[in-house]
Amino acid sequence: MKESYEVINIVFIHTEGVYGTIEHLGAFASLVKYTKDGIEYEELLENDEFAIVDEIVFEHLEEEEGD
């Protein structure tokens, strides 16, 4: 059985006052996706511009051939 995990980080963006998710986490900047006033944004933000407030982990189990 093959086991893998998907992690979704929920962030609060200080300047916009909204919540979003991290699409790609970097050492100094990250690609963050959020919605404000009905418009969806995907922006590269420095890591000090947001705070990670929660983490959602999905566990995926796949049967390998022959199992």
Protein backbone atom coordinates (compact mmCIF):
# COMPACT_ATOMS: atom_id res chain seq x y z
CA MET A 1 0.00 0.00 0.00
CA LYS A 2 1.37 3.42 -0.98
CA GLU A 3 0.80 6.24 1.49
CA SER A 4 1.14 9.96 0.71
CA TYR A 5 0.10 13.23 2.31
CA GLU A 6 -1.23 16.53 1.01
CA VAL A 7 -0.76 19.55 3.27
CA ILE A 8 -2.76 22.77 2.86
CA ASN A 9 -1.56 25.77 4.87
CA ILE A 10 -4.22 28.36 5.76
CA VAL A 11 -2.81 31.88 6.12
CA PHE A 12 -3.99 35.30 7.25
CA ILE A 13 -2.71 38.12 5.05
CA HIS A 14 -2.12 41.15 7.27
CA THR A 15 -2.33 43.91 4.64
CA GLU A 16 -5.51 42.59 2.98
CA GLY A 17 -7.24 41.36 6.15
CA VAL A 18 -8.26 38.08 4.47
CA TYR A 19 -7.49 34.36 4.68
CA GLY A 20 -5.91 32.36 1.89
CA THR A 21 -3.86 29.27 1.12
CA ILE A 22 -0.23 28.73 0.24
CA GLU A 23 0.21 27.28 -3.24
CA HIS A 24 4.04 27.11 -3.08
CA LEU A 25 5.98 27.67 0.14
CA GLY A 26 9.41 29.26 -0.24
CA ALA A 27 12.21 30.12 2.16
CA PHE A 28 11.69 33.90 1.91
CA ALA A 29 8.55 34.34 -0.24
CA SER A 30 5.55 32.16 -1.08
CA LEU A 31 2.84 32.00 -3.72
CA VAL A 32 -0.43 32.70 -1.89
CA LYS A 33 -3.97 32.36 -3.26
CA TYR A 34 -6.86 34.33 -1.75
CA THR A 35 -10.22 35.91 -2.62
CA LYS A 36 -11.14 39.51 -1.87
CA ASP A 37 -14.36 41.26 -2.96
CA GLY A 38 -15.24 38.30 -5.18
CA ILE A 39 -11.95 38.46 -7.10
CA GLU A 40 -9.44 35.61 -6.84
CA TYR A 41 -5.78 36.60 -6.49
CA GLU A 42 -2.57 34.58 -6.70
CA GLU A 43 0.39 36.66 -5.52
CA LEU A 44 3.99 36.19 -4.51
CA LEU A 45 4.22 37.51 -0.94
CA GLU A 46 7.15 37.75 1.42
CA ASN A 47 6.71 35.32 4.30
CA ASP A 48 6.48 38.14 6.86
CA GLU A 49 3.37 39.52 5.07
CA PHE A 50 1.20 36.62 6.28
CA ALA A 51 0.82 34.27 9.24
CA ILE A 52 0.12 30.54 8.96
CA VAL A 53 -2.93 30.01 11.17
CA ASP A 54 -3.87 26.40 10.40
CA GLU A 55 -2.77 23.32 8.52
CA ILE A 56 -5.01 20.72 6.92
CA VAL A 57 -3.49 17.31 6.16
CA PHE A 58 -5.09 14.83 3.77
CA GLU A 59 -3.83 11.25 3.87
CA HIS A 60 -3.95 9.35 0.58
CA LEU A 61 -3.74 5.56 0.47
CA GLU A 62 -3.28 3.75 -2.84
CA GLU A 63 -3.10 0.06 -3.38
CA GLU A 64 -0.10 -1.02 -5.37
CA GLU A 65 -0.47 -3.66 -8.05
CA GLY A 66 -0.22 -7.12 -6.58
CA ASP A 67 -1.57 -6.16 -3.14
